[in-house]
mmCIF file of all heavy atoms, coordinates in Angstrom:
data_MODEL
# 
_entry.id   MODEL 
# 
loop_
_atom_site.group_PDB 
_atom_site.id 
_atom_site.type_symbol 
_atom_site.label_atom_id 
_atom_site.label_alt_id 
_atom_site.label_comp_id 
_atom_site.label_asym_id 
_atom_site.label_entity_id 
_atom_site.label_seq_id 
_atom_site.pdbx_PDB_ins_code 
_atom_site.Cartn_x 
_atom_site.Cartn_y 
_atom_site.Cartn_z 
_atom_site.occupancy 
_atom_site.B_iso_or_equiv 
_atom_site.pdbx_formal_charge 
_atom_site.auth_seq_id 
_atom_site.auth_comp_id 
_atom_site.auth_asym_id 
_atom_site.auth_atom_id 
_atom_site.pdbx_PDB_model_num 
ATOM 1   N N   . TYR A 1 1  ? 6.337  14.523 -9.065  1.00 0.00 ? 1  TYR A N   1 
ATOM 2   C CA  . TYR A 1 1  ? 5.851  13.392 -9.796  1.00 0.00 ? 1  TYR A CA  1 
ATOM 3   C C   . TYR A 1 1  ? 6.363  12.125 -9.023  1.00 0.00 ? 1  TYR A C   1 
ATOM 4   O O   . TYR A 1 1  ? 5.604  11.200 -8.803  1.00 0.00 ? 1  TYR A O   1 
ATOM 5   C CB  . TYR A 1 1  ? 6.497  13.399 -11.172 1.00 0.00 ? 1  TYR A CB  1 
ATOM 6   C CG  . TYR A 1 1  ? 6.333  12.107 -11.973 1.00 0.00 ? 1  TYR A CG  1 
ATOM 7   C CD1 . TYR A 1 1  ? 4.957  11.660 -12.274 1.00 0.00 ? 1  TYR A CD1 1 
ATOM 8   C CD2 . TYR A 1 1  ? 7.435  11.293 -12.302 1.00 0.00 ? 1  TYR A CD2 1 
ATOM 9   C CE1 . TYR A 1 1  ? 4.860  10.451 -13.002 1.00 0.00 ? 1  TYR A CE1 1 
ATOM 10  C CE2 . TYR A 1 1  ? 7.272  10.110 -13.075 1.00 0.00 ? 1  TYR A CE2 1 
ATOM 11  C CZ  . TYR A 1 1  ? 5.939  9.725  -13.409 1.00 0.00 ? 1  TYR A CZ  1 
ATOM 12  O OH  . TYR A 1 1  ? 5.864  8.528  -14.092 1.00 0.00 ? 1  TYR A OH  1 
ATOM 13  N N   . LEU A 1 2  ? 7.547  12.171 -8.506  1.00 0.00 ? 2  LEU A N   1 
ATOM 14  C CA  . LEU A 1 2  ? 8.112  11.032 -7.782  1.00 0.00 ? 2  LEU A CA  1 
ATOM 15  C C   . LEU A 1 2  ? 7.301  10.809 -6.478  1.00 0.00 ? 2  LEU A C   1 
ATOM 16  O O   . LEU A 1 2  ? 7.027  9.692  -6.166  1.00 0.00 ? 2  LEU A O   1 
ATOM 17  C CB  . LEU A 1 2  ? 9.501  11.311 -7.485  1.00 0.00 ? 2  LEU A CB  1 
ATOM 18  C CG  . LEU A 1 2  ? 10.297 10.134 -6.689  1.00 0.00 ? 2  LEU A CG  1 
ATOM 19  C CD1 . LEU A 1 2  ? 10.209 8.826  -7.309  1.00 0.00 ? 2  LEU A CD1 1 
ATOM 20  C CD2 . LEU A 1 2  ? 11.753 10.534 -6.327  1.00 0.00 ? 2  LEU A CD2 1 
ATOM 21  N N   . GLN A 1 3  ? 7.013  11.867 -5.787  1.00 0.00 ? 3  GLN A N   1 
ATOM 22  C CA  . GLN A 1 3  ? 6.310  11.727 -4.615  1.00 0.00 ? 3  GLN A CA  1 
ATOM 23  C C   . GLN A 1 3  ? 4.885  11.285 -4.703  1.00 0.00 ? 3  GLN A C   1 
ATOM 24  O O   . GLN A 1 3  ? 4.337  10.516 -3.980  1.00 0.00 ? 3  GLN A O   1 
ATOM 25  C CB  . GLN A 1 3  ? 6.256  13.133 -3.802  1.00 0.00 ? 3  GLN A CB  1 
ATOM 26  C CG  . GLN A 1 3  ? 5.942  13.094 -2.350  1.00 0.00 ? 3  GLN A CG  1 
ATOM 27  C CD  . GLN A 1 3  ? 4.353  12.968 -2.089  1.00 0.00 ? 3  GLN A CD  1 
ATOM 28  O OE1 . GLN A 1 3  ? 3.654  13.529 -2.817  1.00 0.00 ? 3  GLN A OE1 1 
ATOM 29  N NE2 . GLN A 1 3  ? 4.058  12.163 -1.103  1.00 0.00 ? 3  GLN A NE2 1 
ATOM 30  N N   . ARG A 1 4  ? 4.191  11.679 -5.838  1.00 0.00 ? 4  ARG A N   1 
ATOM 31  C CA  . ARG A 1 4  ? 2.942  11.135 -6.214  1.00 0.00 ? 4  ARG A CA  1 
ATOM 32  C C   . ARG A 1 4  ? 2.859  9.687  -6.459  1.00 0.00 ? 4  ARG A C   1 
ATOM 33  O O   . ARG A 1 4  ? 1.956  8.927  -6.168  1.00 0.00 ? 4  ARG A O   1 
ATOM 34  C CB  . ARG A 1 4  ? 2.296  12.033 -7.331  1.00 0.00 ? 4  ARG A CB  1 
ATOM 35  C CG  . ARG A 1 4  ? 1.843  13.344 -6.976  1.00 0.00 ? 4  ARG A CG  1 
ATOM 36  C CD  . ARG A 1 4  ? 1.060  14.087 -7.996  1.00 0.00 ? 4  ARG A CD  1 
ATOM 37  N NE  . ARG A 1 4  ? 1.941  14.584 -9.145  1.00 0.00 ? 4  ARG A NE  1 
ATOM 38  C CZ  . ARG A 1 4  ? 1.777  14.097 -10.344 1.00 0.00 ? 4  ARG A CZ  1 
ATOM 39  N NH1 . ARG A 1 4  ? 0.913  13.146 -10.670 1.00 0.00 ? 4  ARG A NH1 1 
ATOM 40  N NH2 . ARG A 1 4  ? 2.619  14.523 -11.354 1.00 0.00 ? 4  ARG A NH2 1 
ATOM 41  N N   . LEU A 1 5  ? 3.996  9.237  -7.092  1.00 0.00 ? 5  LEU A N   1 
ATOM 42  C CA  . LEU A 1 5  ? 4.082  7.798  -7.398  1.00 0.00 ? 5  LEU A CA  1 
ATOM 43  C C   . LEU A 1 5  ? 4.142  7.050  -6.072  1.00 0.00 ? 5  LEU A C   1 
ATOM 44  O O   . LEU A 1 5  ? 3.482  6.020  -5.853  1.00 0.00 ? 5  LEU A O   1 
ATOM 45  C CB  . LEU A 1 5  ? 5.312  7.542  -8.207  1.00 0.00 ? 5  LEU A CB  1 
ATOM 46  C CG  . LEU A 1 5  ? 5.254  7.745  -9.709  1.00 0.00 ? 5  LEU A CG  1 
ATOM 47  C CD1 . LEU A 1 5  ? 6.654  7.611  -10.435 1.00 0.00 ? 5  LEU A CD1 1 
ATOM 48  C CD2 . LEU A 1 5  ? 4.347  6.700  -10.397 1.00 0.00 ? 5  LEU A CD2 1 
ATOM 49  N N   . ILE A 1 6  ? 4.993  7.538  -5.106  1.00 0.00 ? 6  ILE A N   1 
ATOM 50  C CA  . ILE A 1 6  ? 5.200  6.817  -3.827  1.00 0.00 ? 6  ILE A CA  1 
ATOM 51  C C   . ILE A 1 6  ? 3.851  6.902  -3.005  1.00 0.00 ? 6  ILE A C   1 
ATOM 52  O O   . ILE A 1 6  ? 3.504  5.836  -2.451  1.00 0.00 ? 6  ILE A O   1 
ATOM 53  C CB  . ILE A 1 6  ? 6.266  7.576  -3.034  1.00 0.00 ? 6  ILE A CB  1 
ATOM 54  C CG1 . ILE A 1 6  ? 7.648  7.420  -3.805  1.00 0.00 ? 6  ILE A CG1 1 
ATOM 55  C CG2 . ILE A 1 6  ? 6.399  6.995  -1.666  1.00 0.00 ? 6  ILE A CG2 1 
ATOM 56  C CD1 . ILE A 1 6  ? 8.768  8.303  -3.163  1.00 0.00 ? 6  ILE A CD1 1 
ATOM 57  N N   . ALA A 1 7  ? 3.210  8.061  -3.013  1.00 0.00 ? 7  ALA A N   1 
ATOM 58  C CA  . ALA A 1 7  ? 1.959  8.131  -2.322  1.00 0.00 ? 7  ALA A CA  1 
ATOM 59  C C   . ALA A 1 7  ? 0.871  7.202  -2.882  1.00 0.00 ? 7  ALA A C   1 
ATOM 60  O O   . ALA A 1 7  ? 0.146  6.606  -2.184  1.00 0.00 ? 7  ALA A O   1 
ATOM 61  C CB  . ALA A 1 7  ? 1.442  9.584  -2.239  1.00 0.00 ? 7  ALA A CB  1 
ATOM 62  N N   . GLN A 1 8  ? 0.809  7.262  -4.135  1.00 0.00 ? 8  GLN A N   1 
ATOM 63  C CA  . GLN A 1 8  ? -0.117 6.300  -4.908  1.00 0.00 ? 8  GLN A CA  1 
ATOM 64  C C   . GLN A 1 8  ? 0.029  4.857  -4.582  1.00 0.00 ? 8  GLN A C   1 
ATOM 65  O O   . GLN A 1 8  ? -0.890 4.031  -4.422  1.00 0.00 ? 8  GLN A O   1 
ATOM 66  C CB  . GLN A 1 8  ? -0.104 6.461  -6.455  1.00 0.00 ? 8  GLN A CB  1 
ATOM 67  C CG  . GLN A 1 8  ? -0.999 5.688  -7.204  1.00 0.00 ? 8  GLN A CG  1 
ATOM 68  C CD  . GLN A 1 8  ? -2.472 6.092  -7.191  1.00 0.00 ? 8  GLN A CD  1 
ATOM 69  O OE1 . GLN A 1 8  ? -2.822 6.901  -6.271  1.00 0.00 ? 8  GLN A OE1 1 
ATOM 70  N NE2 . GLN A 1 8  ? -3.312 5.628  -8.008  1.00 0.00 ? 8  GLN A NE2 1 
ATOM 71  N N   . SER A 1 9  ? 1.332  4.398  -4.389  1.00 0.00 ? 9  SER A N   1 
ATOM 72  C CA  . SER A 1 9  ? 1.596  3.053  -4.039  1.00 0.00 ? 9  SER A CA  1 
ATOM 73  C C   . SER A 1 9  ? 0.985  2.615  -2.748  1.00 0.00 ? 9  SER A C   1 
ATOM 74  O O   . SER A 1 9  ? 0.760  1.381  -2.582  1.00 0.00 ? 9  SER A O   1 
ATOM 75  C CB  . SER A 1 9  ? 3.107  2.797  -4.078  1.00 0.00 ? 9  SER A CB  1 
ATOM 76  O OG  . SER A 1 9  ? 3.750  3.393  -2.856  1.00 0.00 ? 9  SER A OG  1 
ATOM 77  N N   . ARG A 1 10 ? 0.733  3.521  -1.912  1.00 0.00 ? 10 ARG A N   1 
ATOM 78  C CA  . ARG A 1 10 ? 0.297  3.246  -0.488  1.00 0.00 ? 10 ARG A CA  1 
ATOM 79  C C   . ARG A 1 10 ? -1.207 3.048  -0.528  1.00 0.00 ? 10 ARG A C   1 
ATOM 80  O O   . ARG A 1 10 ? -1.825 2.737  0.614   1.00 0.00 ? 10 ARG A O   1 
ATOM 81  C CB  . ARG A 1 10 ? 0.816  4.297  0.468   1.00 0.00 ? 10 ARG A CB  1 
ATOM 82  C CG  . ARG A 1 10 ? 2.274  4.354  0.559   1.00 0.00 ? 10 ARG A CG  1 
ATOM 83  C CD  . ARG A 1 10 ? 2.748  5.618  1.256   1.00 0.00 ? 10 ARG A CD  1 
ATOM 84  N NE  . ARG A 1 10 ? 4.226  5.759  1.212   1.00 0.00 ? 10 ARG A NE  1 
ATOM 85  C CZ  . ARG A 1 10 ? 4.946  6.792  1.486   1.00 0.00 ? 10 ARG A CZ  1 
ATOM 86  N NH1 . ARG A 1 10 ? 4.309  7.981  1.810   1.00 0.00 ? 10 ARG A NH1 1 
ATOM 87  N NH2 . ARG A 1 10 ? 6.287  6.804  1.459   1.00 0.00 ? 10 ARG A NH2 1 
ATOM 88  N N   . GLN A 1 11 ? -1.875 3.389  -1.550  1.00 0.00 ? 11 GLN A N   1 
ATOM 89  C CA  . GLN A 1 11 ? -3.375 3.347  -1.643  1.00 0.00 ? 11 GLN A CA  1 
ATOM 90  C C   . GLN A 1 11 ? -3.805 2.623  -2.862  1.00 0.00 ? 11 GLN A C   1 
ATOM 91  O O   . GLN A 1 11 ? -4.998 2.704  -3.213  1.00 0.00 ? 11 GLN A O   1 
ATOM 92  C CB  . GLN A 1 11 ? -3.950 4.763  -1.504  1.00 0.00 ? 11 GLN A CB  1 
ATOM 93  C CG  . GLN A 1 11 ? -3.501 5.745  -2.639  1.00 0.00 ? 11 GLN A CG  1 
ATOM 94  C CD  . GLN A 1 11 ? -3.952 7.096  -2.394  1.00 0.00 ? 11 GLN A CD  1 
ATOM 95  O OE1 . GLN A 1 11 ? -4.472 7.507  -1.333  1.00 0.00 ? 11 GLN A OE1 1 
ATOM 96  N NE2 . GLN A 1 11 ? -3.914 7.972  -3.416  1.00 0.00 ? 11 GLN A NE2 1 
ATOM 97  N N   . PHE A 1 12 ? -2.893 2.094  -3.599  1.00 0.00 ? 12 PHE A N   1 
ATOM 98  C CA  . PHE A 1 12 ? -3.185 1.425  -4.984  1.00 0.00 ? 12 PHE A CA  1 
ATOM 99  C C   . PHE A 1 12 ? -3.891 0.081  -4.722  1.00 0.00 ? 12 PHE A C   1 
ATOM 100 O O   . PHE A 1 12 ? -3.523 -0.672 -3.959  1.00 0.00 ? 12 PHE A O   1 
ATOM 101 C CB  . PHE A 1 12 ? -1.891 1.251  -5.796  1.00 0.00 ? 12 PHE A CB  1 
ATOM 102 C CG  . PHE A 1 12 ? -2.269 0.986  -7.207  1.00 0.00 ? 12 PHE A CG  1 
ATOM 103 C CD1 . PHE A 1 12 ? -2.597 1.962  -8.038  1.00 0.00 ? 12 PHE A CD1 1 
ATOM 104 C CD2 . PHE A 1 12 ? -2.069 -0.252 -7.726  1.00 0.00 ? 12 PHE A CD2 1 
ATOM 105 C CE1 . PHE A 1 12 ? -2.893 1.649  -9.456  1.00 0.00 ? 12 PHE A CE1 1 
ATOM 106 C CE2 . PHE A 1 12 ? -2.300 -0.606 -9.006  1.00 0.00 ? 12 PHE A CE2 1 
ATOM 107 C CZ  . PHE A 1 12 ? -2.664 0.397  -9.811  1.00 0.00 ? 12 PHE A CZ  1 
ATOM 108 N N   . PRO A 1 13 ? -4.951 -0.094 -5.420  1.00 0.00 ? 13 PRO A N   1 
ATOM 109 C CA  . PRO A 1 13 ? -5.730 -1.433 -5.267  1.00 0.00 ? 13 PRO A CA  1 
ATOM 110 C C   . PRO A 1 13 ? -4.775 -2.613 -5.582  1.00 0.00 ? 13 PRO A C   1 
ATOM 111 O O   . PRO A 1 13 ? -4.095 -2.548 -6.601  1.00 0.00 ? 13 PRO A O   1 
ATOM 112 C CB  . PRO A 1 13 ? -6.850 -1.290 -6.374  1.00 0.00 ? 13 PRO A CB  1 
ATOM 113 C CG  . PRO A 1 13 ? -7.045 0.162  -6.502  1.00 0.00 ? 13 PRO A CG  1 
ATOM 114 C CD  . PRO A 1 13 ? -5.690 0.768  -6.420  1.00 0.00 ? 13 PRO A CD  1 
ATOM 115 N N   . GLY A 1 14 ? -4.862 -3.595 -4.744  1.00 0.00 ? 14 GLY A N   1 
ATOM 116 C CA  . GLY A 1 14 ? -3.969 -4.738 -4.884  1.00 0.00 ? 14 GLY A CA  1 
ATOM 117 C C   . GLY A 1 14 ? -2.659 -4.669 -4.171  1.00 0.00 ? 14 GLY A C   1 
ATOM 118 O O   . GLY A 1 14 ? -1.995 -5.733 -4.087  1.00 0.00 ? 14 GLY A O   1 
ATOM 119 N N   . ILE A 1 15 ? -2.262 -3.475 -3.702  1.00 0.00 ? 15 ILE A N   1 
ATOM 120 C CA  . ILE A 1 15 ? -1.026 -3.383 -2.966  1.00 0.00 ? 15 ILE A CA  1 
ATOM 121 C C   . ILE A 1 15 ? -1.249 -3.201 -1.437  1.00 0.00 ? 15 ILE A C   1 
ATOM 122 O O   . ILE A 1 15 ? -2.096 -2.293 -1.036  1.00 0.00 ? 15 ILE A O   1 
ATOM 123 C CB  . ILE A 1 15 ? -0.206 -2.214 -3.420  1.00 0.00 ? 15 ILE A CB  1 
ATOM 124 C CG1 . ILE A 1 15 ? 0.247  -2.449 -4.866  1.00 0.00 ? 15 ILE A CG1 1 
ATOM 125 C CG2 . ILE A 1 15 ? 1.076  -2.022 -2.642  1.00 0.00 ? 15 ILE A CG2 1 
ATOM 126 C CD1 . ILE A 1 15 ? 1.079  -1.196 -5.472  1.00 0.00 ? 15 ILE A CD1 1 
ATOM 127 N N   . ARG A 1 16 ? -0.796 -4.141 -0.673  1.00 0.00 ? 16 ARG A N   1 
ATOM 128 C CA  . ARG A 1 16 ? -1.071 -4.130 0.773   1.00 0.00 ? 16 ARG A CA  1 
ATOM 129 C C   . ARG A 1 16 ? -0.024 -3.148 1.483   1.00 0.00 ? 16 ARG A C   1 
ATOM 130 O O   . ARG A 1 16 ? -0.535 -2.397 2.443   1.00 0.00 ? 16 ARG A O   1 
ATOM 131 C CB  . ARG A 1 16 ? -0.875 -5.521 1.368   1.00 0.00 ? 16 ARG A CB  1 
ATOM 132 C CG  . ARG A 1 16 ? -0.979 -5.554 2.886   1.00 0.00 ? 16 ARG A CG  1 
ATOM 133 C CD  . ARG A 1 16 ? -1.002 -7.062 3.363   1.00 0.00 ? 16 ARG A CD  1 
ATOM 134 N NE  . ARG A 1 16 ? 0.160  -7.731 2.863   1.00 0.00 ? 16 ARG A NE  1 
ATOM 135 C CZ  . ARG A 1 16 ? 1.353  -7.872 3.480   1.00 0.00 ? 16 ARG A CZ  1 
ATOM 136 N NH1 . ARG A 1 16 ? 1.519  -7.157 4.587   1.00 0.00 ? 16 ARG A NH1 1 
ATOM 137 N NH2 . ARG A 1 16 ? 2.276  -8.543 2.988   1.00 0.00 ? 16 ARG A NH2 1 
ATOM 138 N N   . VAL A 1 17 ? 1.189  -3.165 1.063   1.00 0.00 ? 17 VAL A N   1 
ATOM 139 C CA  . VAL A 1 17 ? 2.232  -2.242 1.602   1.00 0.00 ? 17 VAL A CA  1 
ATOM 140 C C   . VAL A 1 17 ? 2.919  -1.512 0.485   1.00 0.00 ? 17 VAL A C   1 
ATOM 141 O O   . VAL A 1 17 ? 3.477  -2.261 -0.281  1.00 0.00 ? 17 VAL A O   1 
ATOM 142 C CB  . VAL A 1 17 ? 3.222  -2.958 2.569   1.00 0.00 ? 17 VAL A CB  1 
ATOM 143 C CG1 . VAL A 1 17 ? 4.292  -2.032 3.119   1.00 0.00 ? 17 VAL A CG1 1 
ATOM 144 C CG2 . VAL A 1 17 ? 2.496  -3.725 3.708   1.00 0.00 ? 17 VAL A CG2 1 
ATOM 145 N N   . GLY A 1 18 ? 2.909  -0.295 0.474   1.00 0.00 ? 18 GLY A N   1 
ATOM 146 C CA  . GLY A 1 18 ? 3.535  0.589  -0.590  1.00 0.00 ? 18 GLY A CA  1 
ATOM 147 C C   . GLY A 1 18 ? 5.018  0.891  -0.377  1.00 0.00 ? 18 GLY A C   1 
ATOM 148 O O   . GLY A 1 18 ? 5.594  0.255  0.498   1.00 0.00 ? 18 GLY A O   1 
ATOM 149 N N   . LEU A 1 19 ? 5.432  1.828  -0.997  1.00 0.00 ? 19 LEU A N   1 
ATOM 150 C CA  . LEU A 1 19 ? 6.825  2.154  -1.009  1.00 0.00 ? 19 LEU A CA  1 
ATOM 151 C C   . LEU A 1 19 ? 7.146  3.077  0.139   1.00 0.00 ? 19 LEU A C   1 
ATOM 152 O O   . LEU A 1 19 ? 6.445  3.978  0.561   1.00 0.00 ? 19 LEU A O   1 
ATOM 153 C CB  . LEU A 1 19 ? 7.224  2.955  -2.266  1.00 0.00 ? 19 LEU A CB  1 
ATOM 154 C CG  . LEU A 1 19 ? 6.994  2.142  -3.574  1.00 0.00 ? 19 LEU A CG  1 
ATOM 155 C CD1 . LEU A 1 19 ? 7.306  3.041  -4.777  1.00 0.00 ? 19 LEU A CD1 1 
ATOM 156 C CD2 . LEU A 1 19 ? 7.853  0.943  -3.670  1.00 0.00 ? 19 LEU A CD2 1 
ATOM 157 N N   . SER A 1 20 ? 8.371  2.890  0.746   1.00 0.00 ? 20 SER A N   1 
ATOM 158 C CA  . SER A 1 20 ? 8.783  3.639  1.914   1.00 0.00 ? 20 SER A CA  1 
ATOM 159 C C   . SER A 1 20 ? 9.539  4.872  1.417   1.00 0.00 ? 20 SER A C   1 
ATOM 160 O O   . SER A 1 20 ? 9.969  4.959  0.252   1.00 0.00 ? 20 SER A O   1 
ATOM 161 C CB  . SER A 1 20 ? 9.713  2.710  2.791   1.00 0.00 ? 20 SER A CB  1 
ATOM 162 O OG  . SER A 1 20 ? 10.933 2.424  2.081   1.00 0.00 ? 20 SER A OG  1 
ATOM 163 N N   . PRO A 1 21 ? 9.844  5.803  2.249   1.00 0.00 ? 21 PRO A N   1 
ATOM 164 C CA  . PRO A 1 21 ? 10.736 6.951  1.937   1.00 0.00 ? 21 PRO A CA  1 
ATOM 165 C C   . PRO A 1 21 ? 12.089 6.436  1.559   1.00 0.00 ? 21 PRO A C   1 
ATOM 166 O O   . PRO A 1 21 ? 12.680 7.025  0.507   1.00 0.00 ? 21 PRO A O   1 
ATOM 167 C CB  . PRO A 1 21 ? 10.844 7.756  3.183   1.00 0.00 ? 21 PRO A CB  1 
ATOM 168 C CG  . PRO A 1 21 ? 9.542  7.452  3.974   1.00 0.00 ? 21 PRO A CG  1 
ATOM 169 C CD  . PRO A 1 21 ? 9.199  6.003  3.640   1.00 0.00 ? 21 PRO A CD  1 
ATOM 170 N N   . ARG A 1 22 ? 12.586 5.391  2.137   1.00 0.00 ? 22 ARG A N   1 
ATOM 171 C CA  . ARG A 1 22 ? 13.883 4.962  1.571   1.00 0.00 ? 22 ARG A CA  1 
ATOM 172 C C   . ARG A 1 22 ? 13.807 4.375  0.127   1.00 0.00 ? 22 ARG A C   1 
ATOM 173 O O   . ARG A 1 22 ? 14.704 4.609  -0.590  1.00 0.00 ? 22 ARG A O   1 
ATOM 174 C CB  . ARG A 1 22 ? 14.403 3.845  2.543   1.00 0.00 ? 22 ARG A CB  1 
ATOM 175 C CG  . ARG A 1 22 ? 15.722 3.202  2.171   1.00 0.00 ? 22 ARG A CG  1 
ATOM 176 C CD  . ARG A 1 22 ? 16.430 2.446  3.175   1.00 0.00 ? 22 ARG A CD  1 
ATOM 177 N NE  . ARG A 1 22 ? 15.671 1.240  3.637   1.00 0.00 ? 22 ARG A NE  1 
ATOM 178 C CZ  . ARG A 1 22 ? 15.931 0.500  4.664   1.00 0.00 ? 22 ARG A CZ  1 
ATOM 179 N NH1 . ARG A 1 22 ? 17.065 0.778  5.347   1.00 0.00 ? 22 ARG A NH1 1 
ATOM 180 N NH2 . ARG A 1 22 ? 15.269 -0.498 5.045   1.00 0.00 ? 22 ARG A NH2 1 
ATOM 181 N N   . ALA A 1 23 ? 12.661 3.720  -0.189  1.00 0.00 ? 23 ALA A N   1 
ATOM 182 C CA  . ALA A 1 23 ? 12.531 3.268  -1.539  1.00 0.00 ? 23 ALA A CA  1 
ATOM 183 C C   . ALA A 1 23 ? 12.435 4.387  -2.417  1.00 0.00 ? 23 ALA A C   1 
ATOM 184 O O   . ALA A 1 23 ? 12.997 4.308  -3.594  1.00 0.00 ? 23 ALA A O   1 
ATOM 185 C CB  . ALA A 1 23 ? 11.209 2.458  -1.585  1.00 0.00 ? 23 ALA A CB  1 
ATOM 186 N N   . GLY A 1 24 ? 11.791 5.530  -2.099  1.00 0.00 ? 24 GLY A N   1 
ATOM 187 C CA  . GLY A 1 24 ? 11.733 6.694  -2.927  1.00 0.00 ? 24 GLY A CA  1 
ATOM 188 C C   . GLY A 1 24 ? 13.125 7.242  -3.195  1.00 0.00 ? 24 GLY A C   1 
ATOM 189 O O   . GLY A 1 24 ? 13.456 7.739  -4.312  1.00 0.00 ? 24 GLY A O   1 
ATOM 190 N N   . MET A 1 25 ? 13.945 7.299  -2.149  1.00 0.00 ? 25 MET A N   1 
ATOM 191 C CA  . MET A 1 25 ? 15.380 7.882  -2.327  1.00 0.00 ? 25 MET A CA  1 
ATOM 192 C C   . MET A 1 25 ? 16.122 6.919  -3.203  1.00 0.00 ? 25 MET A C   1 
ATOM 193 O O   . MET A 1 25 ? 16.954 7.402  -4.099  1.00 0.00 ? 25 MET A O   1 
ATOM 194 C CB  . MET A 1 25 ? 16.006 8.029  -0.967  1.00 0.00 ? 25 MET A CB  1 
ATOM 195 C CG  . MET A 1 25 ? 15.219 9.092  -0.056  1.00 0.00 ? 25 MET A CG  1 
ATOM 196 S SD  . MET A 1 25 ? 16.057 9.096  1.608   1.00 0.00 ? 25 MET A SD  1 
ATOM 197 C CE  . MET A 1 25 ? 17.709 9.610  1.261   1.00 0.00 ? 25 MET A CE  1 
ATOM 198 N N   . SER A 1 26 ? 15.969 5.637  -3.034  1.00 0.00 ? 26 SER A N   1 
ATOM 199 C CA  . SER A 1 26 ? 16.689 4.753  -3.945  1.00 0.00 ? 26 SER A CA  1 
ATOM 200 C C   . SER A 1 26 ? 16.218 4.904  -5.437  1.00 0.00 ? 26 SER A C   1 
ATOM 201 O O   . SER A 1 26 ? 17.047 4.784  -6.312  1.00 0.00 ? 26 SER A O   1 
ATOM 202 C CB  . SER A 1 26 ? 16.508 3.295  -3.426  1.00 0.00 ? 26 SER A CB  1 
ATOM 203 O OG  . SER A 1 26 ? 17.134 2.342  -4.244  1.00 0.00 ? 26 SER A OG  1 
ATOM 204 N N   . LEU A 1 27 ? 14.979 5.026  -5.605  1.00 0.00 ? 27 LEU A N   1 
ATOM 205 C CA  . LEU A 1 27 ? 14.329 5.214  -6.907  1.00 0.00 ? 27 LEU A CA  1 
ATOM 206 C C   . LEU A 1 27 ? 14.942 6.454  -7.583  1.00 0.00 ? 27 LEU A C   1 
ATOM 207 O O   . LEU A 1 27 ? 15.348 6.494  -8.806  1.00 0.00 ? 27 LEU A O   1 
ATOM 208 C CB  . LEU A 1 27 ? 12.851 5.195  -6.823  1.00 0.00 ? 27 LEU A CB  1 
ATOM 209 C CG  . LEU A 1 27 ? 12.093 5.579  -8.105  1.00 0.00 ? 27 LEU A CG  1 
ATOM 210 C CD1 . LEU A 1 27 ? 12.449 4.579  -9.224  1.00 0.00 ? 27 LEU A CD1 1 
ATOM 211 C CD2 . LEU A 1 27 ? 10.539 5.616  -7.827  1.00 0.00 ? 27 LEU A CD2 1 
ATOM 212 N N   . LEU A 1 28 ? 15.043 7.546  -6.834  1.00 0.00 ? 28 LEU A N   1 
ATOM 213 C CA  . LEU A 1 28 ? 15.563 8.757  -7.367  1.00 0.00 ? 28 LEU A CA  1 
ATOM 214 C C   . LEU A 1 28 ? 17.026 8.616  -7.733  1.00 0.00 ? 28 LEU A C   1 
ATOM 215 O O   . LEU A 1 28 ? 17.456 9.146  -8.789  1.00 0.00 ? 28 LEU A O   1 
ATOM 216 C CB  . LEU A 1 28 ? 15.391 9.872  -6.374  1.00 0.00 ? 28 LEU A CB  1 
ATOM 217 C CG  . LEU A 1 28 ? 15.917 11.281 -6.716  1.00 0.00 ? 28 LEU A CG  1 
ATOM 218 C CD1 . LEU A 1 28 ? 15.224 11.787 -8.024  1.00 0.00 ? 28 LEU A CD1 1 
ATOM 219 C CD2 . LEU A 1 28 ? 15.746 12.373 -5.641  1.00 0.00 ? 28 LEU A CD2 1 
# 
């Protein structure tokens, strides 16, 4: 679920730059 959120951020309409792996680790 967490990885899908991160991946979705990189292709989500309105977002130019999504979440990095470091952001994912911090979120977890």
